[in-house]
Amino acid sequence: MLSDEVIQAQMNSLLEKTDFKWGEKYEDKVRDSYVVDNRRIIITTDRISAFDRVLCSIPFKGQVLNQTAAFWFEQTEHIVPNHVLNIPDPNVLLAKECKVIPIEIVVRGYLTGVTSTSAWYSYERGVRNFCGHVLPDGLKKNQPFDMAIITPSTKAEKGVHDASVSAEEILSRGLVDEEVFRNMERIALELYHFGNRLVGKNNLILVDTKYEFGLLDNELVLIDEVHTPDSSRYWIKDSYEPLFSQGTEPQNLDKEYVRQWLAGQGFIGEGEIPGIPDDIKIEAARKYITAYEMITGKQFVAKNENVEARIRQSLQNMF
């Protein structure tokens, strides 16, 4: 684990945005992408989003996400091909350009969450048919489902809310071919169960996660990110049962920490974003780094530096 001093010092060198003159630029909530000659340069910034809003930036977050995704892309190649070409920098993933399928496949193993698209948010308000899944009365927050469920989501532009929908609605709207969609569902469940088995050995629970897919030469490929602390919810495994039995929130290692802090301020996506203090940002950075180390079994290596300058140096021979 990096020292608090190193994390604190990096507050002065956050990678909040990029402005490279490489091809055509695309910007989403967290990543800046540049498309050049059928390749996509994906730069993971330190921006953090929640409730479909960009909130602030967190020290070393971009590096954590990119290196975690790189780890999982490699680990899951036996399940589904992906778009990765190489990792030329700790914050950069060079990928094959794909035709993006405009939905996310969300896999949920537990009844939890604080966002308006979460299963618990709807359940607490009396909804018993969530994205085509009929849920019984009497469930408790953070309780596991009998089996993992799939709840697709539309992909929203930055600043616009994602929408959880049923598989039937996805197909009726013609957002994706049915055969492709059923393959996405099957692969997503396989990825989720594989991920849970792997991190379970490291005292983690993969609670829920999302997957994005694209088509490359008509072949389904995994894109964007996989099992990162942004796209996934992680809990500490050995403390889950005792805390659940007490009705206490699980120990989390993902951006749920920031979501819960914001929800405690009365913010769940609408209105002005509360100012997030440095101590919350630094604790979030610790959680991200701890998640990386527990997921991968590797030490997180980083130093205080100008990340944008390092990226420019890393990629200088590509153009």
Protein backbone atom coordinates (compact mmCIF):
# COMPACT_ATOMS: atom_id res chain seq x y z
CA MET A 1 0.00 0.00 0.00
CA LEU A 2 1.25 3.47 -0.86
CA SER A 3 1.82 5.74 2.11
CA ASP A 4 -0.70 8.43 3.01
CA GLU A 5 2.00 10.98 2.22
CA VAL A 6 2.35 9.76 -1.37
CA ILE A 7 -1.44 9.66 -1.85
CA GLN A 8 -1.80 13.15 -0.38
CA ALA A 9 1.02 14.54 -2.55
CA GLN A 10 -0.62 13.20 -5.72
CA MET A 11 -3.62 15.48 -5.07
CA ASN A 12 -1.51 18.11 -6.81
CA SER A 13 -0.97 15.98 -9.95
CA LEU A 14 -4.37 14.46 -10.70
CA LEU A 15 -5.11 13.37 -14.25
CA GLU A 16 -8.43 15.16 -14.60
CA LYS A 17 -8.53 15.43 -18.40
CA THR A 18 -6.40 15.02 -21.49
CA ASP A 19 -6.05 17.01 -24.68
CA PHE A 20 -3.76 15.06 -27.00
CA LYS A 21 -3.83 15.79 -30.73
CA TRP A 22 -4.36 12.17 -31.73
CA GLY A 23 -7.13 11.33 -34.18
CA GLU A 24 -10.73 11.77 -33.08
CA LYS A 25 -11.37 12.29 -29.37
CA TYR A 26 -14.23 10.79 -27.36
CA GLU A 27 -14.83 11.61 -23.71
CA ASP A 28 -17.00 9.70 -21.25
CA LYS A 29 -17.39 10.01 -17.50
CA VAL A 30 -14.00 8.52 -16.64
CA ARG A 31 -12.12 7.74 -19.86
CA ASP A 32 -10.78 9.82 -22.72
CA SER A 33 -10.42 7.88 -25.97
CA TYR A 34 -8.63 8.70 -29.21
CA VAL A 35 -9.34 6.74 -32.38
CA VAL A 36 -6.42 6.48 -34.79
CA ASP A 37 -6.21 4.05 -37.73
CA ASN A 38 -8.76 1.55 -36.39
CA ARG A 39 -7.13 1.58 -32.98
CA ARG A 40 -8.59 3.11 -29.84
CA ILE A 41 -6.28 4.68 -27.28
CA ILE A 42 -8.19 4.52 -24.00
CA ILE A 43 -6.83 6.75 -21.24
CA THR A 44 -8.31 6.18 -17.80
CA THR A 45 -8.30 9.47 -15.92
CA ASP A 46 -8.58 10.02 -12.18
CA ARG A 47 -12.16 11.25 -12.53
CA ILE A 48 -14.77 9.50 -10.40
CA SER A 49 -18.43 9.35 -11.30
CA ALA A 50 -21.48 8.27 -9.33
CA PHE A 51 -25.19 8.66 -9.93
CA ASP A 52 -24.22 9.28 -13.57
CA ARG A 53 -22.41 12.51 -12.62
CA VAL A 54 -18.70 13.30 -12.69
CA LEU A 55 -17.88 14.25 -9.11
CA CYS A 56 -14.17 15.00 -8.72
CA SER A 57 -10.82 13.24 -9.16
CA ILE A 58 -9.12 10.70 -6.89
CA PRO A 59 -5.33 10.14 -6.59
CA PHE A 60 -4.07 7.18 -8.66
CA LYS A 61 -7.62 6.05 -9.49
CA GLY A 62 -6.99 5.94 -13.23
CA GLN A 63 -3.95 3.71 -12.83
CA VAL A 64 -5.83 1.38 -10.48
CA LEU A 65 -8.71 0.99 -12.91
CA ASN A 66 -6.57 0.50 -15.99
CA GLN A 67 -4.26 -2.04 -14.38
CA THR A 68 -7.16 -3.91 -12.78
CA ALA A 69 -8.95 -4.11 -16.13
CA ALA A 70 -5.74 -5.31 -17.81
CA PHE A 71 -5.44 -8.06 -15.19
CA TRP A 72 -9.01 -9.25 -15.77
CA PHE A 73 -8.85 -9.06 -19.55
CA GLU A 74 -5.90 -11.44 -19.41
CA GLN A 75 -7.56 -13.72 -16.84
CA THR A 76 -10.79 -14.07 -18.84
CA GLU A 77 -9.46 -14.64 -22.36
CA HIS A 78 -10.47 -18.31 -22.09
CA ILE A 79 -14.10 -17.24 -21.66
CA VAL A 80 -14.43 -14.50 -24.27
CA PRO A 81 -12.02 -12.62 -26.58
CA ASN A 82 -11.44 -8.94 -25.81
CA HIS A 83 -10.34 -5.80 -27.61
CA VAL A 84 -6.93 -5.35 -25.93
CA LEU A 85 -3.79 -4.92 -28.04
CA ASN A 86 -1.40 -3.84 -25.29
CA ILE A 87 -0.92 -1.65 -22.21
CA PRO A 88 1.64 1.01 -23.23
CA ASP A 89 1.31 3.01 -19.97
CA PRO A 90 -0.17 2.38 -16.50
CA ASN A 91 -3.16 4.60 -17.40
CA VAL A 92 -3.51 3.57 -21.05
CA LEU A 93 -5.04 0.63 -22.89
CA LEU A 94 -4.53 0.29 -26.63
CA ALA A 95 -7.48 -1.52 -28.18
CA LYS A 96 -8.91 -2.68 -31.46
CA GLU A 97 -11.73 -0.43 -32.61
CA CYS A 98 -15.05 -2.29 -32.32
CA LYS A 99 -18.70 -1.67 -33.04
CA VAL A 100 -20.10 -1.00 -29.56
CA ILE A 101 -23.32 -2.75 -28.54
CA PRO A 102 -25.42 0.00 -26.87
CA ILE A 103 -26.35 -1.82 -23.67
CA GLU A 104 -24.59 -2.94 -20.51
CA ILE A 105 -25.10 -6.37 -19.01
CA VAL A 106 -25.36 -5.96 -15.24
CA VAL A 107 -25.04 -9.10 -13.11
CA ARG A 108 -26.25 -8.87 -9.52
CA GLY A 109 -25.62 -11.44 -6.82
CA TYR A 110 -27.04 -9.44 -3.92
CA LEU A 111 -29.97 -7.11 -3.18
CA THR A 112 -28.09 -3.88 -2.54
CA GLY A 113 -27.21 -0.38 -3.77
CA VAL A 114 -28.10 3.26 -3.18
CA THR A 115 -28.48 4.59 -6.73
CA SER A 116 -31.87 5.00 -8.40
CA THR A 117 -31.00 2.11 -10.77
CA SER A 118 -30.05 -0.28 -7.96
CA ALA A 119 -32.10 -3.32 -7.03
CA TRP A 120 -32.45 -2.28 -3.38
CA TYR A 121 -33.62 1.25 -4.28
CA SER A 122 -36.54 -0.22 -6.22
CA TYR A 123 -37.24 -3.05 -3.78
CA GLU A 124 -37.36 -0.68 -0.79
CA ARG A 125 -40.04 1.31 -2.65
CA GLY A 126 -42.25 -1.72 -3.14
CA VAL A 127 -41.14 -2.84 -6.61
CA ARG A 128 -41.24 -6.63 -6.84
CA ASN A 129 -40.64 -7.05 -10.57
CA PHE A 130 -37.15 -5.72 -11.19
CA CYS A 131 -36.04 -5.85 -14.81
CA GLY A 132 -38.20 -8.92 -15.43
CA HIS A 133 -37.18 -10.71 -12.20
CA VAL A 134 -39.98 -11.30 -9.68
CA LEU A 135 -38.62 -10.85 -6.16
CA PRO A 136 -40.38 -12.19 -3.04
CA ASP A 137 -41.42 -10.08 -0.08
CA GLY A 138 -39.32 -10.09 3.06
CA LEU A 139 -35.85 -9.73 1.59
CA LYS A 140 -33.30 -7.64 3.46
CA LYS A 141 -30.79 -5.18 2.15
CA ASN A 142 -27.48 -6.86 1.16
CA GLN A 143 -29.08 -10.32 1.12
CA PRO A 144 -27.85 -12.68 -1.61
CA PHE A 145 -30.24 -13.72 -4.35
CA ASP A 146 -30.86 -17.45 -4.71
CA MET A 147 -28.96 -17.13 -7.98
CA ALA A 148 -27.33 -14.20 -9.75
CA ILE A 149 -29.70 -12.17 -11.93
CA ILE A 150 -29.09 -10.18 -15.10
CA THR A 151 -30.52 -6.65 -15.29
CA PRO A 152 -29.53 -4.94 -18.55
CA SER A 153 -29.02 -1.21 -18.68
CA THR A 154 -29.06 1.30 -21.48
CA LYS A 155 -25.80 3.15 -22.05
CA ALA A 156 -26.29 6.82 -21.30
CA GLU A 157 -24.25 9.79 -22.43
CA LYS A 158 -22.29 11.70 -19.79
CA GLY A 159 -24.71 13.59 -17.54
CA VAL A 160 -27.69 11.43 -18.51
CA HIS A 161 -29.00 8.65 -16.28
CA ASP A 162 -28.65 5.00 -17.31
CA ALA A 163 -31.93 3.08 -17.29
CA SER A 164 -32.35 -0.48 -16.02
CA VAL A 165 -34.62 -2.46 -18.34
CA SER A 166 -35.71 -6.05 -18.86
CA ALA A 167 -34.29 -8.40 -21.47
CA GLU A 168 -37.67 -8.38 -23.17
CA GLU A 169 -37.57 -4.60 -23.51
CA ILE A 170 -34.04 -4.72 -24.91
CA LEU A 171 -35.17 -7.15 -27.59
CA SER A 172 -38.49 -5.43 -28.33
CA ARG A 173 -36.65 -2.15 -28.92
CA GLY A 174 -34.28 -3.88 -31.32
CA LEU A 175 -31.19 -2.67 -29.49
CA VAL A 176 -29.37 -5.92 -30.23
CA ASP A 177 -29.96 -9.14 -32.14
CA GLU A 178 -31.51 -11.82 -29.91
CA GLU A 179 -28.84 -14.43 -30.56
CA VAL A 180 -26.11 -11.92 -29.77
CA PHE A 181 -27.94 -10.81 -26.63
CA ARG A 182 -28.37 -14.36 -25.33
CA ASN A 183 -24.65 -14.94 -25.88
CA MET A 184 -23.94 -11.76 -23.92
CA GLU A 185 -26.09 -13.03 -21.04
CA ARG A 186 -24.39 -16.42 -21.02
CA ILE A 187 -20.88 -14.96 -21.15
CA ALA A 188 -21.69 -12.36 -18.48
CA LEU A 189 -22.80 -15.04 -16.01
CA GLU A 190 -19.73 -17.12 -16.75
CA LEU A 191 -17.47 -14.09 -16.22
CA TYR A 192 -19.24 -13.19 -12.97
CA HIS A 193 -18.97 -16.67 -11.47
CA PHE A 194 -15.35 -17.03 -12.60
CA GLY A 195 -14.52 -13.65 -11.06
CA ASN A 196 -16.21 -14.54 -7.79
CA ARG A 197 -14.32 -17.80 -7.51
CA LEU A 198 -11.01 -16.06 -8.14
CA VAL A 199 -11.46 -13.15 -5.70
CA GLY A 200 -13.04 -15.44 -3.10
CA LYS A 201 -9.57 -16.91 -2.61
CA ASN A 202 -8.43 -13.40 -1.65
CA ASN A 203 -11.19 -12.75 0.92
CA LEU A 204 -13.43 -10.76 -1.44
CA ILE A 205 -16.99 -11.06 -2.73
CA LEU A 206 -17.77 -9.82 -6.22
CA VAL A 207 -21.22 -8.49 -5.37
CA ASP A 208 -22.32 -7.16 -8.72
CA THR A 209 -20.73 -5.87 -11.89
CA LYS A 210 -21.37 -4.71 -15.42
CA TYR A 211 -20.00 -5.82 -18.77
CA GLU A 212 -19.83 -4.09 -22.11
CA PHE A 213 -19.46 -5.84 -25.43
CA GLY A 214 -18.68 -4.97 -29.00
CA LEU A 215 -18.49 -6.69 -32.36
CA LEU A 216 -15.21 -7.16 -34.19
CA ASP A 217 -15.55 -8.85 -37.59
CA ASN A 218 -18.97 -10.04 -36.37
CA GLU A 219 -17.40 -11.73 -33.33
CA LEU A 220 -18.56 -10.82 -29.83
CA VAL A 221 -15.73 -9.30 -27.78
CA LEU A 222 -15.44 -7.90 -24.27
CA ILE A 223 -14.60 -4.19 -24.16
CA ASP A 224 -14.16 -1.16 -21.87
CA GLU A 225 -13.33 -2.52 -18.39
CA VAL A 226 -13.77 -5.74 -16.41
CA HIS A 227 -14.33 -6.26 -12.68
CA THR A 228 -12.79 -2.92 -11.69
CA PRO A 229 -13.77 -1.11 -8.48
CA ASP A 230 -15.76 1.27 -10.71
CA SER A 231 -17.72 -1.28 -12.71
CA SER A 232 -18.11 -3.68 -9.78
CA ARG A 233 -19.00 -3.80 -6.13
CA TYR A 234 -16.61 -5.66 -3.81
CA TRP A 235 -17.14 -6.63 -0.17
CA ILE A 236 -14.73 -8.13 2.34
CA LYS A 237 -15.73 -11.78 2.51
CA ASP A 238 -14.98 -12.84 6.08
CA SER A 239 -16.82 -9.88 7.63
CA TYR A 240 -19.92 -10.07 5.41
CA GLU A 241 -21.97 -12.62 7.40
CA PRO A 242 -21.39 -11.07 10.85
CA LEU A 243 -22.21 -7.58 9.59
CA PHE A 244 -25.25 -8.75 7.63
CA SER A 245 -26.65 -10.55 10.67
CA GLN A 246 -26.31 -7.29 12.63
CA GLY A 247 -27.98 -5.26 9.90
CA THR A 248 -24.75 -3.36 9.35
CA GLU A 249 -23.38 -2.31 5.95
CA PRO A 250 -20.64 -4.58 4.57
CA GLN A 251 -17.03 -3.47 4.31
CA ASN A 252 -16.69 -2.25 0.73
CA LEU A 253 -13.70 -1.72 -1.54
CA ASP A 254 -15.11 0.25 -4.43
CA LYS A 255 -16.71 3.59 -5.20
CA GLU A 256 -19.70 2.68 -3.02
CA TYR A 257 -17.79 4.44 -0.24
CA VAL A 258 -18.14 7.73 -2.14
CA ARG A 259 -21.75 6.98 -3.15
CA GLN A 260 -22.70 6.33 0.48
CA TRP A 261 -20.98 9.51 1.64
CA LEU A 262 -22.89 11.53 -0.96
CA ALA A 263 -26.17 9.81 -0.09
CA GLY A 264 -25.52 10.78 3.53
CA GLN A 265 -25.36 14.40 2.34
CA GLY A 266 -28.76 13.96 0.66
CA PHE A 267 -27.35 13.69 -2.88
CA ILE A 268 -28.33 10.78 -5.13
CA GLY A 269 -27.84 12.41 -8.51
CA GLU A 270 -30.06 15.45 -8.68
CA GLY A 271 -29.09 19.03 -7.94
CA GLU A 272 -25.72 20.47 -7.00
CA ILE A 273 -22.95 18.02 -6.16
CA PRO A 274 -21.73 18.52 -2.57
CA GLY A 275 -18.09 19.49 -2.18
CA ILE A 276 -16.13 16.33 -1.41
CA PRO A 277 -13.43 16.89 1.26
CA ASP A 278 -9.84 15.78 0.70
CA ASP A 279 -10.04 13.19 3.47
CA ILE A 280 -12.90 11.44 1.66
CA LYS A 281 -10.93 11.50 -1.60
CA ILE A 282 -7.82 10.11 0.10
CA GLU A 283 -9.79 7.33 1.82
CA ALA A 284 -11.40 6.50 -1.52
CA ALA A 285 -7.90 6.25 -3.04
CA ARG A 286 -6.88 3.84 -0.27
CA LYS A 287 -9.89 1.66 -0.99
CA TYR A 288 -9.17 1.60 -4.71
CA ILE A 289 -5.53 0.66 -4.13
CA THR A 290 -6.45 -2.00 -1.55
CA ALA A 291 -8.97 -3.44 -4.01
CA TYR A 292 -6.30 -3.69 -6.70
CA GLU A 293 -3.87 -5.45 -4.38
CA MET A 294 -6.48 -7.90 -3.04
CA ILE A 295 -7.93 -8.67 -6.49
CA THR A 296 -4.64 -9.20 -8.28
CA GLY A 297 -2.38 -10.33 -5.46
CA LYS A 298 0.14 -7.74 -6.65
CA GLN A 299 1.60 -4.69 -4.95
CA PHE A 300 0.38 -1.41 -6.40
CA VAL A 301 3.43 0.51 -7.66
CA ALA A 302 3.13 4.23 -8.36
CA LYS A 303 4.90 7.46 -7.59
CA ASN A 304 4.20 11.17 -7.50
CA GLU A 305 4.56 12.45 -11.04
CA ASN A 306 2.87 14.34 -13.84
CA VAL A 307 0.77 11.53 -15.30
CA GLU A 308 -0.11 13.35 -18.52
CA ALA A 309 3.56 13.99 -19.27
CA ARG A 310 4.38 10.35 -18.59
CA ILE A 311 1.60 9.20 -20.96
CA ARG A 312 2.90 11.51 -23.68
CA GLN A 313 6.37 10.02 -23.23
CA SER A 314 5.05 6.44 -23.21
CA LEU A 315 3.12 6.91 -26.44
CA GLN A 316 5.53 9.19 -28.31
CA ASN A 317 6.72 6.43 -30.66
CA MET A 318 3.20 5.49 -31.73
CA PHE A 319 2.68 8.57 -33.87
